[in-house]
């Protein structure tokens, strides 16, 4: 009798290609349609009431791989930035500073590992109030090293940075690209409503920290319950039984790294941080770290290339993920989805209209993961709908923030998610098993916060 083959977890790239096939099938099932568009304040937005059906343009499933190149082109700024940031961070990791700091932290935090996780998640939540989470993808190895040093797995490692940052990003208190675009279209003052958005961060951050700590406690008791158990994750060579020591030679490296990060934060708040600038900062940070550590030039070059290699696969998968949006756009079905969802909002009870709009943005986010792009498409439609149903425009923008931001972490084609999960080599199916319960909690809390916002002058 033939022995049953053990089911293997699909690779994240296999999941992305499956979603590409699904996207091509949807171009056959959903009628093609389009809104007229105009340029306003340098941004292209749709004209409300201009929707009309157009000739169907389905995408042949056999042609989906031709969209990968277009996806790579569209994601080139993120990909190039990740490669160069990875190289700079590779030099810093090559000094052993992060590993030594993580080891020292693990010894001093013995029995209080939860405090380390909670503190760092709050830090990244605050950092991502003004800075896009994508800029922190290169910090994935740092999160993994810290998590493994204090006895957790790679999922906890990327969650420290990604899920902490997710809350700061999704509440949109100072998010110029997403909140700024949406409020401009809604004719609201820039960053108005900031106090309530910052308040929203409190319950969402708290439940996220508790969820990650609950998972961490579970896998500490039984490592086989880890969703990446027996999966060869990134930083696998970090030996937790022989932790390095943080010594005097690491102090100038740490100083250089802190200065580099602080400068990046300064640029994000007082100027405009771009992917190119982030890459330059990481490269100079790596170069300066290598110099103060007195690392030989050949070793610096080797560590830089190793860092680039670590991000290469992640960059390719982001390009594949971007292909999904290109397939949906080629089928001209996005506008149809937005038009249909907007029309259903009128039939929803007044108190539940904001949560319903939140859900609609979750659905739309599958079709367009770009926050500013989604705002430009949906806000001209949803703002008049909000006016007709007596919903505050500020509430409508907050529903957009929650739908666009929190949904990203359950989508295989969202750049931040695929950046972190791809680097850690965690199969997306396993990540989804971890994250879906937290997303349901996010949706419940977000809906309650939107109902409260509807009931108060917001």
Protein backbone atom coordinates (compact mmCIF):
# COMPACT_ATOMS: atom_id res chain seq x y z
CA UNK A 1 0.00 0.00 0.00
CA UNK A 2 1.42 3.35 -1.00
CA UNK A 3 2.38 5.62 1.87
CA UNK A 4 0.34 8.80 2.04
CA UNK A 5 2.34 11.85 1.08
CA UNK A 6 2.55 14.49 3.75
CA UNK A 7 0.79 17.71 2.77
CA UNK A 8 3.26 20.52 2.31
CA UNK A 9 2.58 24.16 3.11
CA UNK A 10 2.40 26.18 -0.14
CA UNK A 11 5.19 28.67 -0.71
CA UNK A 12 4.15 32.34 -0.50
CA UNK A 13 4.94 32.78 -4.20
CA UNK A 14 2.57 29.91 -5.02
CA UNK A 15 -0.16 31.71 -3.05
CA UNK A 16 0.46 34.95 -4.97
CA UNK A 17 0.27 33.17 -8.34
CA UNK A 18 -3.00 31.53 -7.22
CA UNK A 19 -4.43 34.96 -6.41
CA UNK A 20 -3.25 36.19 -9.83
CA UNK A 21 -5.30 33.37 -11.40
CA UNK A 22 -8.30 34.31 -9.25
CA UNK A 23 -7.94 37.95 -10.34
CA UNK A 24 -7.96 36.91 -14.01
CA UNK A 25 -11.13 34.83 -13.45
CA UNK A 26 -12.84 37.81 -11.79
CA UNK A 27 -12.26 39.84 -14.96
CA UNK A 28 -14.61 37.37 -16.69
CA UNK A 29 -17.24 37.34 -13.92
CA UNK A 30 -17.52 41.04 -12.95
CA UNK A 31 -18.86 43.45 -15.62
CA UNK A 32 -16.35 46.05 -16.79
CA UNK A 33 -17.14 49.65 -15.94
CA UNK A 34 -15.52 53.03 -15.57
CA UNK A 35 -15.87 56.46 -13.98
CA UNK A 36 -14.75 59.65 -15.67
CA UNK A 37 -11.66 61.14 -14.03
CA UNK A 38 -10.33 64.65 -13.52
CA UNK A 39 -7.12 66.09 -12.11
CA UNK A 40 -7.50 68.11 -8.92
CA UNK A 41 -4.56 69.56 -6.95
CA UNK A 42 -2.22 67.29 -8.87
CA UNK A 43 -4.20 64.13 -8.09
CA UNK A 44 -6.44 62.14 -10.42
CA UNK A 45 -9.87 61.53 -8.88
CA UNK A 46 -13.13 60.09 -10.18
CA UNK A 47 -16.22 62.14 -11.02
CA UNK A 48 -19.23 61.14 -8.92
CA UNK A 49 -22.24 60.07 -10.99
CA UNK A 50 -20.17 59.36 -14.11
CA UNK A 51 -20.12 55.56 -13.88
CA UNK A 52 -20.89 53.69 -17.08
CA UNK A 53 -20.40 50.15 -18.31
CA UNK A 54 -17.75 49.51 -20.96
CA UNK A 55 -16.77 46.61 -23.17
CA UNK A 56 -15.52 43.58 -21.24
CA UNK A 57 -11.72 43.21 -21.29
CA UNK A 58 -11.04 39.87 -19.55
CA UNK A 59 -7.47 38.80 -18.85
CA UNK A 60 -6.52 35.38 -20.21
CA UNK A 61 -5.29 33.17 -17.32
CA UNK A 62 -2.47 31.99 -19.58
CA UNK A 63 -1.17 35.55 -19.87
CA UNK A 64 -0.93 36.39 -16.15
CA UNK A 65 2.86 36.01 -16.01
CA UNK A 66 3.23 38.82 -18.56
CA UNK A 67 1.93 41.17 -15.86
CA UNK A 68 4.82 40.30 -13.53
CA UNK A 69 7.22 42.57 -15.40
CA UNK A 70 4.72 45.42 -15.15
CA UNK A 71 4.39 44.65 -11.44
CA UNK A 72 8.15 44.78 -10.98
CA UNK A 73 8.22 48.10 -12.84
CA UNK A 74 5.45 49.50 -10.66
CA UNK A 75 7.16 48.38 -7.46
CA UNK A 76 10.66 49.36 -8.53
CA UNK A 77 11.08 52.17 -5.99
CA UNK A 78 10.15 49.81 -3.12
CA UNK A 79 12.28 46.97 -4.51
CA UNK A 80 15.41 49.07 -5.13
CA UNK A 81 15.02 50.68 -1.73
CA UNK A 82 14.68 47.30 -0.01
CA UNK A 83 17.80 45.96 -1.73
CA UNK A 84 19.93 48.97 -0.79
CA UNK A 85 18.49 49.23 2.72
CA UNK A 86 19.13 45.51 3.15
CA UNK A 87 22.73 46.04 2.10
CA UNK A 88 23.28 48.85 4.59
CA UNK A 89 21.61 46.91 7.38
CA UNK A 90 23.67 43.85 6.37
CA UNK A 91 26.87 45.70 7.33
CA UNK A 92 25.38 46.67 10.69
CA UNK A 93 24.29 43.07 11.32
CA UNK A 94 27.80 42.00 10.31
CA UNK A 95 29.24 43.94 13.25
CA UNK A 96 27.19 41.79 15.65
CA UNK A 97 25.86 44.90 17.39
CA UNK A 98 22.17 44.01 17.07
CA UNK A 99 22.80 40.38 18.02
CA UNK A 100 24.84 41.43 21.07
CA UNK A 101 22.24 44.02 22.10
CA UNK A 102 19.46 41.44 21.72
CA UNK A 103 21.44 38.93 23.79
CA UNK A 104 22.08 41.47 26.56
CA UNK A 105 18.41 42.45 26.48
CA UNK A 106 17.35 38.80 26.75
CA UNK A 107 19.52 38.25 29.84
CA UNK A 108 18.32 41.40 31.60
CA UNK A 109 14.69 40.81 30.65
CA UNK A 110 14.61 37.23 31.89
CA UNK A 111 11.04 36.60 33.03
CA UNK A 112 9.93 39.97 31.64
CA UNK A 113 10.14 39.20 27.93
CA UNK A 114 6.57 40.44 27.57
CA UNK A 115 7.73 43.95 28.52
CA UNK A 116 10.31 43.97 25.71
CA UNK A 117 7.70 42.96 23.13
CA UNK A 118 5.13 45.45 24.44
CA UNK A 119 7.63 48.34 24.59
CA UNK A 120 8.96 47.78 21.06
CA UNK A 121 5.46 47.42 19.59
CA UNK A 122 4.46 50.76 21.13
CA UNK A 123 7.65 52.33 19.75
CA UNK A 124 6.92 51.16 16.20
CA UNK A 125 3.26 52.15 16.53
CA UNK A 126 4.40 55.71 17.31
CA UNK A 127 7.08 55.68 14.60
CA UNK A 128 4.48 54.74 11.99
CA UNK A 129 2.20 57.66 12.86
CA UNK A 130 4.22 59.94 10.53
CA UNK A 131 6.23 57.29 8.60
CA UNK A 132 4.91 54.71 6.14
CA UNK A 133 5.37 51.14 7.40
CA UNK A 134 7.09 50.15 4.14
CA UNK A 135 10.17 52.08 5.27
CA UNK A 136 10.59 49.67 8.18
CA UNK A 137 10.60 46.43 6.15
CA UNK A 138 14.45 46.37 6.31
CA UNK A 139 14.13 46.12 10.11
CA UNK A 140 12.60 42.63 9.77
CA UNK A 141 15.89 40.87 10.63
CA UNK A 142 16.22 43.03 13.75
CA UNK A 143 12.77 41.98 14.97
CA UNK A 144 13.53 38.31 14.32
CA UNK A 145 16.89 38.47 16.13
CA UNK A 146 15.27 40.10 19.19
CA UNK A 147 12.37 37.62 19.24
CA UNK A 148 14.65 34.58 19.01
CA UNK A 149 16.96 35.98 21.68
CA UNK A 150 14.05 36.16 24.16
CA UNK A 151 12.67 32.74 23.23
CA UNK A 152 10.02 33.50 20.60
CA UNK A 153 9.73 32.65 16.89
CA UNK A 154 10.00 34.59 13.62
CA UNK A 155 6.26 35.39 13.61
CA UNK A 156 6.62 37.27 16.89
CA UNK A 157 9.75 38.91 15.46
CA UNK A 158 8.06 40.45 12.45
CA UNK A 159 4.89 41.17 14.47
CA UNK A 160 6.87 43.39 16.85
CA UNK A 161 7.63 45.74 13.97
CA UNK A 162 4.88 45.12 11.42
CA UNK A 163 1.83 44.83 13.69
CA UNK A 164 3.04 47.56 16.02
CA UNK A 165 3.52 49.83 13.02
CA UNK A 166 0.21 48.67 11.53
CA UNK A 167 -1.77 50.53 14.19
CA UNK A 168 0.10 53.82 13.87
CA UNK A 169 -0.25 53.64 10.10
CA UNK A 170 -3.91 52.52 10.01
CA UNK A 171 -5.27 55.18 12.38
CA UNK A 172 -3.78 57.76 10.02
CA UNK A 173 -3.20 60.61 12.47
CA UNK A 174 -0.33 62.07 10.39
CA UNK A 175 -0.36 59.90 7.26
CA UNK A 176 0.19 62.43 4.48
CA UNK A 177 -0.32 60.01 1.57
CA UNK A 178 -3.52 58.27 2.72
CA UNK A 179 -5.21 60.57 5.24
CA UNK A 180 -3.91 63.66 3.44
CA UNK A 181 -5.35 62.56 0.08
CA UNK A 182 -8.68 61.47 1.57
CA UNK A 183 -9.13 64.68 3.60
CA UNK A 184 -8.22 66.84 0.60
CA UNK A 185 -10.92 65.16 -1.48
CA UNK A 186 -13.37 65.39 1.45
CA UNK A 187 -12.52 69.13 1.74
CA UNK A 188 -11.38 68.73 5.35
CA UNK A 189 -8.39 70.49 6.96
CA UNK A 190 -5.19 68.42 6.76
CA UNK A 191 -4.83 66.07 9.75
CA UNK A 192 -8.04 67.35 11.33
CA UNK A 193 -9.59 64.91 13.80
CA UNK A 194 -6.10 63.91 14.99
CA UNK A 195 -7.08 63.66 18.68
CA UNK A 196 -9.69 60.96 18.08
CA UNK A 197 -7.38 59.10 15.68
CA UNK A 198 -4.67 59.02 18.36
CA UNK A 199 -7.29 57.81 20.85
CA UNK A 200 -8.20 54.98 18.45
CA UNK A 201 -4.58 53.81 18.62
CA UNK A 202 -4.94 52.96 22.33
CA UNK A 203 -7.44 50.05 22.22
CA UNK A 204 -6.10 48.77 18.88
CA UNK A 205 -2.48 48.78 20.10
CA UNK A 206 -3.47 47.16 23.40
CA UNK A 207 -5.35 44.27 21.80
CA UNK A 208 -2.53 43.75 19.27
CA UNK A 209 0.12 43.53 22.01
CA UNK A 210 -2.02 41.15 24.08
CA UNK A 211 -2.65 38.94 21.04
CA UNK A 212 1.07 38.69 20.15
CA UNK A 213 1.96 38.01 23.80
CA UNK A 214 -0.74 35.32 24.02
CA UNK A 215 0.72 33.61 20.96
CA UNK A 216 4.26 34.00 22.30
CA UNK A 217 3.33 32.46 25.65
CA UNK A 218 1.68 29.54 23.87
CA UNK A 219 4.71 28.70 21.73
CA UNK A 220 7.11 29.09 24.66
CA UNK A 221 5.20 26.35 26.46
CA UNK A 222 5.02 24.18 23.35
CA UNK A 223 7.26 25.16 20.39
CA UNK A 224 5.40 22.72 18.12
CA UNK A 225 2.41 25.12 18.23
CA UNK A 226 4.42 27.76 16.40
CA UNK A 227 2.98 28.47 12.96
CA UNK A 228 6.52 28.40 11.60
CA UNK A 229 7.61 25.25 13.44
CA UNK A 230 10.11 23.30 11.34
CA UNK A 231 10.05 26.10 8.76
CA UNK A 232 13.54 27.38 8.00
CA UNK A 233 13.02 31.05 8.69
CA UNK A 234 15.38 33.99 8.28
CA UNK A 235 18.20 34.45 10.79
CA UNK A 236 18.18 30.67 11.29
CA UNK A 237 21.91 30.84 12.02
CA UNK A 238 21.26 32.94 15.14
CA UNK A 239 22.24 30.48 17.88
CA UNK A 240 20.16 31.23 20.97
CA UNK A 241 22.27 28.80 23.01
CA UNK A 242 25.47 30.73 22.29
CA UNK A 243 24.38 34.34 22.41
CA UNK A 244 27.01 36.97 21.53
CA UNK A 245 28.12 39.71 23.93
CA UNK A 246 27.55 43.44 23.47
CA UNK A 247 31.02 44.94 23.93
CA UNK A 248 32.67 48.35 23.74
CA UNK A 249 33.32 48.07 20.00
CA UNK A 250 29.55 47.91 19.45
CA UNK A 251 28.87 51.24 21.20
CA UNK A 252 29.90 53.51 18.27
CA UNK A 253 27.92 51.27 15.89
CA UNK A 254 24.85 51.67 18.09
CA UNK A 255 25.36 55.46 18.18
CA UNK A 256 25.63 55.63 14.38
CA UNK A 257 22.47 53.50 13.99
CA UNK A 258 20.45 55.64 16.42
CA UNK A 259 21.57 58.83 14.64
CA UNK A 260 20.57 57.35 11.27
CA UNK A 261 17.11 56.32 12.49
CA UNK A 262 16.55 59.70 14.18
CA UNK A 263 17.52 61.47 10.99
CA UNK A 264 15.03 59.36 9.03
CA UNK A 265 12.30 60.30 11.49
CA UNK A 266 13.29 63.99 11.22
CA UNK A 267 13.05 63.89 7.40
CA UNK A 268 9.67 62.13 7.58
CA UNK A 269 8.19 64.76 9.91
CA UNK A 270 9.76 67.99 8.69
CA UNK A 271 10.33 67.22 4.99
CA UNK A 272 9.21 64.41 2.71
CA UNK A 273 10.76 60.97 3.13
CA UNK A 274 11.02 58.98 -0.11
CA UNK A 275 12.14 55.44 -0.80
CA UNK A 276 15.32 56.82 -2.41
CA UNK A 277 16.13 58.89 0.69
CA UNK A 278 15.50 55.89 2.96
CA UNK A 279 17.92 53.85 0.84
CA UNK A 280 20.60 56.56 1.04
CA UNK A 281 20.19 56.82 4.83
CA UNK A 282 20.57 53.06 5.29
CA UNK A 283 23.60 52.87 3.00
CA UNK A 284 25.42 55.74 4.74
CA UNK A 285 24.37 54.29 8.09
CA UNK A 286 25.89 50.94 7.12
CA UNK A 287 29.05 52.57 5.77
CA UNK A 288 29.53 54.65 8.91
CA UNK A 289 28.87 51.61 11.11
CA UNK A 290 31.51 49.60 9.24
CA UNK A 291 34.05 52.43 9.55
CA UNK A 292 33.58 53.00 13.30
CA UNK A 293 33.71 49.23 13.84
CA UNK A 294 36.97 49.15 11.83
CA UNK A 295 35.58 46.50 9.55
CA UNK A 296 37.88 45.67 6.59
CA UNK A 297 36.59 47.02 3.27
CA UNK A 298 36.30 43.55 1.73
CA UNK A 299 34.25 42.37 4.70
CA UNK A 300 32.01 45.43 4.42
CA UNK A 301 31.39 44.66 0.74
CA UNK A 302 30.67 41.02 1.54
CA UNK A 303 28.18 41.91 4.30
CA UNK A 304 26.54 44.51 2.03
CA UNK A 305 25.97 41.90 -0.70
CA UNK A 306 24.68 39.39 1.86
CA UNK A 307 22.17 41.99 3.02
CA UNK A 308 21.08 42.63 -0.57
CA UNK A 309 20.67 38.88 -1.13
CA UNK A 310 18.48 38.64 1.97
CA UNK A 311 16.03 41.16 0.48
CA UNK A 312 16.20 39.98 -3.15
CA UNK A 313 13.55 37.25 -2.91
CA UNK A 314 11.30 39.62 -0.97
CA UNK A 315 11.59 42.24 -3.72
CA UNK A 316 10.68 39.73 -6.43
CA UNK A 317 7.61 38.57 -4.50
CA UNK A 318 6.47 42.19 -4.07
CA UNK A 319 6.72 42.55 -7.87
CA UNK A 320 4.55 39.45 -8.33
CA UNK A 321 2.08 40.85 -5.78
CA UNK A 322 1.82 44.13 -7.70
CA UNK A 323 0.91 42.12 -10.80
CA UNK A 324 -2.43 41.26 -9.15
CA UNK A 325 -3.56 44.91 -9.19
CA UNK A 326 -2.40 45.24 -12.80
CA UNK A 327 -4.53 42.25 -13.82
CA UNK A 328 -7.60 43.71 -12.09
CA UNK A 329 -6.99 47.12 -13.70
CA UNK A 330 -6.62 45.51 -17.13
CA UNK A 331 -10.04 43.91 -16.64
CA UNK A 332 -11.60 47.32 -15.74
CA UNK A 333 -13.61 45.82 -12.87
CA UNK A 334 -12.52 48.01 -9.94
CA UNK A 335 -14.89 50.90 -10.72
CA UNK A 336 -17.78 48.43 -10.99
CA UNK A 337 -17.01 47.08 -7.51
CA UNK A 338 -16.82 50.61 -6.01
CA UNK A 339 -20.08 51.69 -7.71
CA UNK A 340 -21.95 48.56 -6.54
CA UNK A 341 -20.75 48.86 -2.94
CA UNK A 342 -21.61 52.57 -2.73
CA UNK A 343 -25.15 51.86 -3.90
CA UNK A 344 -25.72 49.30 -1.12
CA UNK A 345 -24.78 51.73 1.68
CA UNK A 346 -28.17 53.46 1.58
CA UNK A 347 -29.91 50.26 2.72
CA UNK A 348 -27.77 49.94 5.87
CA UNK A 349 -29.09 51.25 9.26
CA UNK A 350 -27.65 54.67 10.13
CA UNK A 351 -25.64 53.49 13.15
CA UNK A 352 -24.02 50.69 11.13
CA UNK A 353 -23.23 52.71 8.02
CA UNK A 354 -19.69 53.61 9.12
CA UNK A 355 -18.78 49.97 9.95
CA UNK A 356 -20.37 49.00 6.61
CA UNK A 357 -18.14 51.53 4.84
CA UNK A 358 -15.17 50.05 6.74
CA UNK A 359 -16.11 46.61 5.36
CA UNK A 360 -16.50 48.01 1.85
CA UNK A 361 -12.98 49.44 1.98
CA UNK A 362 -11.72 46.04 3.11
CA UNK A 363 -13.26 44.54 -0.04
CA UNK A 364 -11.95 47.31 -2.27
CA UNK A 365 -8.49 46.94 -0.76
CA UNK A 366 -8.23 43.53 -2.41
CA UNK A 367 -8.50 45.27 -5.76
CA UNK A 368 -6.29 48.29 -5.01
CA UNK A 369 -3.78 48.08 -2.14
CA UNK A 370 -2.37 51.57 -2.67
CA UNK A 371 -3.83 53.79 0.05
CA UNK A 372 -3.61 57.07 -1.87
CA UNK A 373 -4.88 55.31 -4.99
CA UNK A 374 -7.84 53.89 -3.12
CA UNK A 375 -8.63 57.30 -1.63
CA UNK A 376 -8.60 58.90 -5.09
CA UNK A 377 -11.00 56.26 -6.41
CA UNK A 378 -13.40 55.83 -3.48
CA UNK A 379 -13.58 59.17 -1.67
CA UNK A 380 -15.28 61.10 -4.52
CA UNK A 381 -17.96 58.39 -4.46
CA UNK A 382 -18.30 57.73 -0.74
CA UNK A 383 -18.18 61.36 0.44
CA UNK A 384 -21.44 62.34 -1.38
CA UNK A 385 -22.99 59.09 -0.12
CA UNK A 386 -21.90 60.03 3.43
CA UNK A 387 -23.48 63.48 2.99
CA UNK A 388 -26.77 61.96 1.84
CA UNK A 389 -26.88 59.59 4.81
CA UNK A 390 -25.85 62.38 7.26
CA UNK A 391 -22.55 60.66 8.06
CA UNK A 392 -19.70 62.98 9.06
CA UNK A 393 -17.04 63.28 6.35
CA UNK A 394 -14.43 62.80 9.07
CA UNK A 395 -16.03 59.46 9.95
CA UNK A 396 -16.01 58.46 6.27
CA UNK A 397 -12.26 59.19 6.09
CA UNK A 398 -11.63 57.19 9.28
CA UNK A 399 -13.57 54.23 7.82
CA UNK A 400 -11.30 54.47 4.78
CA UNK A 401 -8.19 54.54 7.04
CA UNK A 402 -9.26 51.41 8.91
CA UNK A 403 -10.32 49.53 5.79
CA UNK A 404 -7.22 50.41 3.81
CA UNK A 405 -4.74 50.00 6.68
CA UNK A 406 -5.86 47.05 8.82
CA UNK A 407 -6.83 44.91 5.83
CA UNK A 408 -3.30 45.01 4.37
CA UNK A 409 -2.06 42.39 6.81
CA UNK A 410 -4.34 39.62 5.56
CA UNK A 411 -3.58 40.23 1.87
CA UNK A 412 -0.80 38.32 0.07
CA UNK A 413 -0.27 41.18 -2.39
CA UNK A 414 0.16 44.03 0.12
CA UNK A 415 3.75 45.31 -0.06
CA UNK A 416 4.36 45.58 3.70
CA UNK A 417 2.94 42.15 4.48
CA UNK A 418 4.80 40.39 1.70
CA UNK A 419 7.94 42.35 2.59
CA UNK A 420 8.02 41.13 6.19
CA UNK A 421 6.55 37.66 5.67
CA UNK A 422 8.65 37.10 2.57
CA UNK A 423 11.88 38.09 4.30
CA UNK A 424 11.14 35.84 7.28
CA UNK A 425 10.41 32.96 4.84
CA UNK A 426 7.09 32.32 6.58
CA UNK A 427 4.55 30.66 4.24
CA UNK A 428 1.64 33.07 3.76
CA UNK A 429 -0.88 30.35 4.68
CA UNK A 430 0.80 30.04 8.08
CA UNK A 431 0.85 33.80 8.54
CA UNK A 432 -2.85 33.90 7.70
CA UNK A 433 -3.56 31.26 10.36
CA UNK A 434 -1.87 33.55 12.87
CA UNK A 435 -3.30 36.89 11.78
CA UNK A 436 -6.96 36.19 10.90
CA UNK A 437 -8.21 36.13 14.50
CA UNK A 438 -6.43 39.39 15.25
CA UNK A 439 -7.93 40.95 12.13
CA UNK A 440 -11.42 39.95 13.33
CA UNK A 441 -10.65 41.66 16.65
CA UNK A 442 -9.42 44.72 14.77
CA UNK A 443 -12.61 44.79 12.72
CA UNK A 444 -14.79 44.52 15.85
CA UNK A 445 -12.90 47.27 17.73
CA UNK A 446 -12.67 49.45 14.61
CA UNK A 447 -16.43 49.14 14.08
CA UNK A 448 -17.12 50.14 17.68
CA UNK A 449 -14.79 53.14 17.34
CA UNK A 450 -16.60 54.18 14.15
CA UNK A 451 -20.01 53.88 15.84
CA UNK A 452 -18.72 56.04 18.72
CA UNK A 453 -17.37 58.54 16.18
CA UNK A 454 -20.82 58.64 14.55
CA UNK A 455 -22.45 59.43 17.90
CA UNK A 456 -20.06 62.23 18.90
CA UNK A 457 -19.18 65.47 17.06
CA UNK A 458 -16.33 64.08 14.92
